[in-house]
């Protein structure tokens, strides 16, 4: 069987934790930060986790995970 290739776009966006969760960064942090409150910006810094419904498809893109 040939080696499995990693989807490089997914590899840059997702990391798999030791417990098997899929970690990602939150959206809406790229620009136009002046109108967002300090509380909202602080909460956007925290990591987010992929929902259970999408977890399977993300793990397929990352065969090492």
PDB file of N, CA and C in Angstrom:
ATOM      1  N   UNK A   1       0.836  -1.182   0.000  1.00  0.00           N
ATOM      2  CA  UNK A   1       0.000   0.000   0.000  1.00  0.00           C
ATOM      3  C   UNK A   1       0.885   1.251   0.000  1.00  0.00           C
ATOM      4  N   UNK A   2       0.555   2.276  -0.811  1.00  0.00           N
ATOM      5  CA  UNK A   2       1.406   3.464  -0.854  1.00  0.00           C
ATOM      6  C   UNK A   2       1.263   4.307   0.416  1.00  0.00           C
ATOM      7  N   UNK A   3       2.227   5.190   0.592  1.00  0.00           N
ATOM      8  CA  UNK A   3       2.167   6.108   1.729  1.00  0.00           C
ATOM      9  C   UNK A   3       0.964   7.029   1.572  1.00  0.00           C
ATOM     10  N   UNK A   4       0.397   7.431   2.690  1.00  0.00           N
ATOM     11  CA  UNK A   4      -0.720   8.380   2.665  1.00  0.00           C
ATOM     12  C   UNK A   4      -0.163   9.792   2.654  1.00  0.00           C
ATOM     13  N   UNK A   5      -0.727  10.637   1.811  1.00  0.00           N
ATOM     14  CA  UNK A   5      -0.275  12.024   1.747  1.00  0.00           C
ATOM     15  C   UNK A   5      -1.141  12.891   2.654  1.00  0.00           C
ATOM     16  N   UNK A   6      -0.500  13.826   3.315  1.00  0.00           N
ATOM     17  CA  UNK A   6      -1.180  14.783   4.172  1.00  0.00           C
ATOM     18  C   UNK A   6      -1.688  15.938   3.322  1.00  0.00           C
ATOM     19  N   UNK A   7      -2.917  16.397   3.590  1.00  0.00           N
ATOM     20  CA  UNK A   7      -3.422  17.619   2.961  1.00  0.00           C
ATOM     21  C   UNK A   7      -2.734  18.786   3.652  1.00  0.00           C
ATOM     22  N   UNK A   8      -1.844  19.467   2.930  1.00  0.00           N
ATOM     23  CA  UNK A   8      -0.978  20.466   3.549  1.00  0.00           C
ATOM     24  C   UNK A   8      -1.759  21.659   4.092  1.00  0.00           C
ATOM     25  N   UNK A   9      -2.863  22.017   3.443  1.00  0.00           N
ATOM     26  CA  UNK A   9      -3.692  23.115   3.949  1.00  0.00           C
ATOM     27  C   UNK A   9      -4.264  22.789   5.313  1.00  0.00           C
ATOM     28  N   UNK A  10      -4.674  21.541   5.494  1.00  0.00           N
ATOM     29  CA  UNK A  10      -5.223  21.118   6.783  1.00  0.00           C
ATOM     30  C   UNK A  10      -4.127  21.033   7.833  1.00  0.00           C
ATOM     31  N   UNK A  11      -2.930  20.601   7.428  1.00  0.00           N
ATOM     32  CA  UNK A  11      -1.819  20.469   8.372  1.00  0.00           C
ATOM     33  C   UNK A  11      -1.430  21.826   8.957  1.00  0.00           C
ATOM     34  N   UNK A  12      -1.613  22.893   8.171  1.00  0.00           N
ATOM     35  CA  UNK A  12      -1.276  24.232   8.655  1.00  0.00           C
ATOM     36  C   UNK A  12      -2.345  24.787   9.590  1.00  0.00           C
ATOM     37  N   UNK A  13      -3.554  24.262   9.505  1.00  0.00           N
ATOM     38  CA  UNK A  13      -4.675  24.820  10.267  1.00  0.00           C
ATOM     39  C   UNK A  13      -5.065  24.023  11.500  1.00  0.00           C
ATOM     40  N   UNK A  14      -4.789  22.741  11.521  1.00  0.00           N
ATOM     41  CA  UNK A  14      -5.247  21.884  12.608  1.00  0.00           C
ATOM     42  C   UNK A  14      -4.089  21.149  13.264  1.00  0.00           C
ATOM     43  N   UNK A  15      -4.229  20.915  14.577  1.00  0.00           N
ATOM     44  CA  UNK A  15      -3.290  20.069  15.314  1.00  0.00           C
ATOM     45  C   UNK A  15      -4.126  19.068  16.091  1.00  0.00           C
ATOM     46  N   UNK A  16      -3.618  17.854  16.225  1.00  0.00           N
ATOM     47  CA  UNK A  16      -4.325  16.837  16.992  1.00  0.00           C
ATOM     48  C   UNK A  16      -3.684  16.741  18.364  1.00  0.00           C
ATOM     49  N   UNK A  17      -4.507  16.864  19.412  1.00  0.00           N
ATOM     50  CA  UNK A  17      -4.001  16.838  20.778  1.00  0.00           C
ATOM     51  C   UNK A  17      -3.743  15.390  21.197  1.00  0.00           C
ATOM     52  N   UNK A  18      -3.099  15.224  22.330  1.00  0.00           N
ATOM     53  CA  UNK A  18      -2.794  13.875  22.807  1.00  0.00           C
ATOM     54  C   UNK A  18      -4.049  13.091  23.139  1.00  0.00           C
ATOM     55  N   UNK A  19      -5.106  13.803  23.549  1.00  0.00           N
ATOM     56  CA  UNK A  19      -6.353  13.105  23.880  1.00  0.00           C
ATOM     57  C   UNK A  19      -7.184  12.806  22.638  1.00  0.00           C
ATOM     58  N   UNK A  20      -6.733  13.265  21.463  1.00  0.00           N
ATOM     59  CA  UNK A  20      -7.429  12.946  20.222  1.00  0.00           C
ATOM     60  C   UNK A  20      -8.344  14.035  19.711  1.00  0.00           C
ATOM     61  N   UNK A  21      -8.438  15.160  20.433  1.00  0.00           N
ATOM     62  CA  UNK A  21      -9.247  16.279  19.953  1.00  0.00           C
ATOM     63  C   UNK A  21      -8.510  16.972  18.812  1.00  0.00           C
ATOM     64  N   UNK A  22      -9.257  17.693  17.980  1.00  0.00           N
ATOM     65  CA  UNK A  22      -8.648  18.440  16.880  1.00  0.00           C
ATOM     66  C   UNK A  22      -8.735  19.921  17.226  1.00  0.00           C
ATOM     67  N   UNK A  23      -7.565  20.547  17.375  1.00  0.00           N
ATOM     68  CA  UNK A  23      -7.474  21.939  17.796  1.00  0.00           C
ATOM     69  C   UNK A  23      -7.328  22.830  16.577  1.00  0.00           C
ATOM     70  N   UNK A  24      -7.971  24.021  16.626  1.00  0.00           N
ATOM     71  CA  UNK A  24      -7.863  24.986  15.530  1.00  0.00           C
ATOM     72  C   UNK A  24      -7.893  26.391  16.108  1.00  0.00           C
ATOM     73  N   UNK A  25      -7.468  27.351  15.301  1.00  0.00           N
ATOM     74  CA  UNK A  25      -7.557  28.739  15.716  1.00  0.00           C
ATOM     75  C   UNK A  25      -8.930  29.285  15.376  1.00  0.00           C
ATOM     76  N   UNK A  26      -9.381  30.264  16.132  1.00  0.00           N
ATOM     77  CA  UNK A  26     -10.685  30.858  15.882  1.00  0.00           C
ATOM     78  C   UNK A  26     -10.625  31.819  14.703  1.00  0.00           C
ATOM     79  N   UNK A  27     -11.764  31.992  14.061  1.00  0.00           N
ATOM     80  CA  UNK A  27     -11.878  32.894  12.927  1.00  0.00           C
ATOM     81  C   UNK A  27     -12.107  34.333  13.411  1.00  0.00           C
ATOM     82  N   UNK A  28     -12.147  35.275  12.472  1.00  0.00           N
ATOM     83  CA  UNK A  28     -12.457  36.696  12.722  1.00  0.00           C
ATOM     84  C   UNK A  28     -11.363  37.416  13.495  1.00  0.00           C
ATOM     85  N   UNK A  29     -10.102  37.040  13.263  1.00  0.00           N
ATOM     86  CA  UNK A  29      -9.001  37.708  13.946  1.00  0.00           C
ATOM     87  C   UNK A  29      -8.019  38.318  12.978  1.00  0.00           C
ATOM     88  N   UNK A  30      -8.331  38.330  11.702  1.00  0.00           N
ATOM     89  CA  UNK A  30      -7.367  38.762  10.704  1.00  0.00           C
ATOM     90  C   UNK A  30      -7.148  40.259  10.645  1.00  0.00           C
ATOM     91  N   UNK A  31      -8.222  41.021  10.670  1.00  0.00           N
ATOM     92  CA  UNK A  31      -8.131  42.473  10.531  1.00  0.00           C
ATOM     93  C   UNK A  31      -9.422  43.082  11.062  1.00  0.00           C
ATOM     94  N   UNK A  32      -9.523  44.429  10.967  1.00  0.00           N
ATOM     95  CA  UNK A  32     -10.661  45.201  11.514  1.00  0.00           C
ATOM     96  C   UNK A  32     -10.852  44.870  13.003  1.00  0.00           C
ATOM     97  N   UNK A  33      -9.755  45.009  13.748  1.00  0.00           N
ATOM     98  CA  UNK A  33      -9.810  44.679  15.168  1.00  0.00           C
ATOM     99  C   UNK A  33     -10.264  45.862  16.027  1.00  0.00           C
ATOM    100  N   UNK A  34     -10.289  47.067  15.454  1.00  0.00           N
ATOM    101  CA  UNK A  34     -10.582  48.250  16.266  1.00  0.00           C
ATOM    102  C   UNK A  34     -12.014  48.262  16.770  1.00  0.00           C
ATOM    103  N   UNK A  35     -12.944  47.721  15.988  1.00  0.00           N
ATOM    104  CA  UNK A  35     -14.353  47.761  16.415  1.00  0.00           C
ATOM    105  C   UNK A  35     -14.722  46.600  17.339  1.00  0.00           C
ATOM    106  N   UNK A  36     -13.817  45.658  17.539  1.00  0.00           N
ATOM    107  CA  UNK A  36     -14.110  44.519  18.406  1.00  0.00           C
ATOM    108  C   UNK A  36     -13.686  44.845  19.830  1.00  0.00           C
ATOM    109  N   UNK A  37     -14.499  44.412  20.784  1.00  0.00           N
ATOM    110  CA  UNK A  37     -14.219  44.728  22.181  1.00  0.00           C
ATOM    111  C   UNK A  37     -13.001  43.935  22.672  1.00  0.00           C
ATOM    112  N   UNK A  38     -12.417  44.429  23.753  1.00  0.00           N
ATOM    113  CA  UNK A  38     -11.243  43.766  24.324  1.00  0.00           C
ATOM    114  C   UNK A  38     -11.595  42.353  24.783  1.00  0.00           C
ATOM    115  N   UNK A  39     -12.781  42.185  25.326  1.00  0.00           N
ATOM    116  CA  UNK A  39     -13.220  40.859  25.781  1.00  0.00           C
ATOM    117  C   UNK A  39     -13.332  39.892  24.599  1.00  0.00           C
ATOM    118  N   UNK A  40     -13.878  40.394  23.496  1.00  0.00           N
ATOM    119  CA  UNK A  40     -14.043  39.541  22.309  1.00  0.00           C
ATOM    120  C   UNK A  40     -12.681  39.151  21.732  1.00  0.00           C
ATOM    121  N   UNK A  41     -11.758  40.111  21.665  1.00  0.00           N
ATOM    122  CA  UNK A  41     -10.420  39.820  21.139  1.00  0.00           C
ATOM    123  C   UNK A  41      -9.666  38.849  22.045  1.00  0.00           C
ATOM    124  N   UNK A  42      -9.841  38.995  23.344  1.00  0.00           N
ATOM    125  CA  UNK A  42      -9.193  38.093  24.312  1.00  0.00           C
ATOM    126  C   UNK A  42      -9.721  36.671  24.137  1.00  0.00           C
ATOM    127  N   UNK A  43     -11.017  36.518  23.939  1.00  0.00           N
ATOM    128  CA  UNK A  43     -11.600  35.196  23.753  1.00  0.00           C
ATOM    129  C   UNK A  43     -11.224  34.588  22.409  1.00  0.00           C
ATOM    130  N   UNK A  44     -10.931  35.406  21.413  1.00  0.00           N
ATOM    131  CA  UNK A  44     -10.503  34.887  20.117  1.00  0.00           C
ATOM    132  C   UNK A  44      -9.087  34.324  20.167  1.00  0.00           C
ATOM    133  N   UNK A  45      -8.308  34.708  21.191  1.00  0.00           N
ATOM    134  CA  UNK A  45      -6.950  34.174  21.326  1.00  0.00           C
ATOM    135  C   UNK A  45      -6.951  32.721  21.777  1.00  0.00           C
ATOM    136  N   UNK A  46      -7.986  32.310  22.473  1.00  0.00           N
ATOM    137  CA  UNK A  46      -8.047  30.943  23.010  1.00  0.00           C
ATOM    138  C   UNK A  46      -8.230  29.941  21.874  1.00  0.00           C
ATOM    139  N   UNK A  47      -7.687  28.732  22.023  1.00  0.00           N
ATOM    140  CA  UNK A  47      -7.876  27.729  20.971  1.00  0.00           C
ATOM    141  C   UNK A  47      -9.321  27.253  20.932  1.00  0.00           C
ATOM    142  N   UNK A  48      -9.709  26.752  19.763  1.00  0.00           N
ATOM    143  CA  UNK A  48     -11.039  26.218  19.570  1.00  0.00           C
ATOM    144  C   UNK A  48     -10.883  24.768  19.150  1.00  0.00           C
ATOM    145  N   UNK A  49     -11.912  23.982  19.312  1.00  0.00           N
ATOM    146  CA  UNK A  49     -11.848  22.571  18.948  1.00  0.00           C
ATOM    147  C   UNK A  49     -12.880  22.272  17.871  1.00  0.00           C
ATOM    148  N   UNK A  50     -12.526  21.398  16.945  1.00  0.00           N
ATOM    149  CA  UNK A  50     -13.406  21.030  15.845  1.00  0.00           C
ATOM    150  C   UNK A  50     -14.573  20.232  16.417  1.00  0.00           C
ATOM    151  N   UNK A  51     -15.780  20.475  15.885  1.00  0.00           N
ATOM    152  CA  UNK A  51     -16.966  19.779  16.365  1.00  0.00           C
ATOM    153  C   UNK A  51     -16.881  18.289  16.039  1.00  0.00           C
ATOM    154  N   UNK A  52     -17.569  17.452  16.807  1.00  0.00           N
ATOM    155  CA  UNK A  52     -17.501  16.006  16.561  1.00  0.00           C
ATOM    156  C   UNK A  52     -17.931  15.609  15.146  1.00  0.00           C
ATOM    157  N   UNK A  53     -18.846  16.364  14.539  1.00  0.00           N
ATOM    158  CA  UNK A  53     -19.301  16.041  13.197  1.00  0.00           C
ATOM    159  C   UNK A  53     -18.239  16.227  12.139  1.00  0.00           C
ATOM    160  N   UNK A  54     -17.356  17.198  12.332  1.00  0.00           N
ATOM    161  CA  UNK A  54     -16.305  17.481  11.358  1.00  0.00           C
ATOM    162  C   UNK A  54     -14.988  16.803  11.696  1.00  0.00           C
ATOM    163  N   UNK A  55     -14.899  16.253  12.886  1.00  0.00           N
ATOM    164  CA  UNK A  55     -13.645  15.665  13.358  1.00  0.00           C
ATOM    165  C   UNK A  55     -13.161  14.536  12.446  1.00  0.00           C
ATOM    166  N   UNK A  56     -14.087  13.705  11.978  1.00  0.00           N
ATOM    167  CA  UNK A  56     -13.721  12.566  11.151  1.00  0.00           C
ATOM    168  C   UNK A  56     -13.080  13.011   9.839  1.00  0.00           C
ATOM    169  N   UNK A  57     -13.667  14.029   9.193  1.00  0.00           N
ATOM    170  CA  UNK A  57     -13.123  14.477   7.906  1.00  0.00           C
ATOM    171  C   UNK A  57     -11.774  15.159   8.071  1.00  0.00           C
ATOM    172  N   UNK A  58     -11.575  15.867   9.165  1.00  0.00           N
ATOM    173  CA  UNK A  58     -10.284  16.511   9.420  1.00  0.00           C
ATOM    174  C   UNK A  58      -9.214  15.451   9.670  1.00  0.00           C
ATOM    175  N   UNK A  59      -9.551  14.416  10.436  1.00  0.00           N
ATOM    176  CA  UNK A  59      -8.575  13.362  10.723  1.00  0.00           C
ATOM    177  C   UNK A  59      -8.196  12.583   9.472  1.00  0.00           C
ATOM    178  N   UNK A  60      -9.104  12.501   8.493  1.00  0.00           N
ATOM    179  CA  UNK A  60      -8.762  11.843   7.223  1.00  0.00           C
ATOM    180  C   UNK A  60      -7.721  12.649   6.457  1.00  0.00           C
ATOM    181  N   UNK A  61      -7.801  13.982   6.579  1.00  0.00           N
ATOM    182  CA  UNK A  61      -6.840  14.839   5.881  1.00  0.00           C
ATOM    183  C   UNK A  61      -5.469  14.793   6.541  1.00  0.00           C
ATOM    184  N   UNK A  62      -5.420  14.373   7.815  1.00  0.00           N
ATOM    185  CA  UNK A  62      -4.176  14.293   8.564  1.00  0.00           C
ATOM    186  C   UNK A  62      -3.935  12.833   8.938  1.00  0.00           C
ATOM    187  N   UNK A  63      -3.378  12.037   8.055  1.00  0.00           N
ATOM    188  CA  UNK A  63      -3.261  10.614   8.318  1.00  0.00           C
ATOM    189  C   UNK A  63      -2.360  10.251   9.491  1.00  0.00           C
ATOM    190  N   UNK A  64      -1.494  11.165   9.920  1.00  0.00           N
ATOM    191  CA  UNK A  64      -0.623  10.874  11.044  1.00  0.00           C
ATOM    192  C   UNK A  64      -1.376  10.968  12.367  1.00  0.00           C
ATOM    193  N   UNK A  65      -2.597  11.559  12.367  1.00  0.00           N
ATOM    194  CA  UNK A  65      -3.301  11.847  13.601  1.00  0.00           C
ATOM    195  C   UNK A  65      -4.237  10.819  14.073  1.00  0.00           C
TER     196      UNK A  65
END
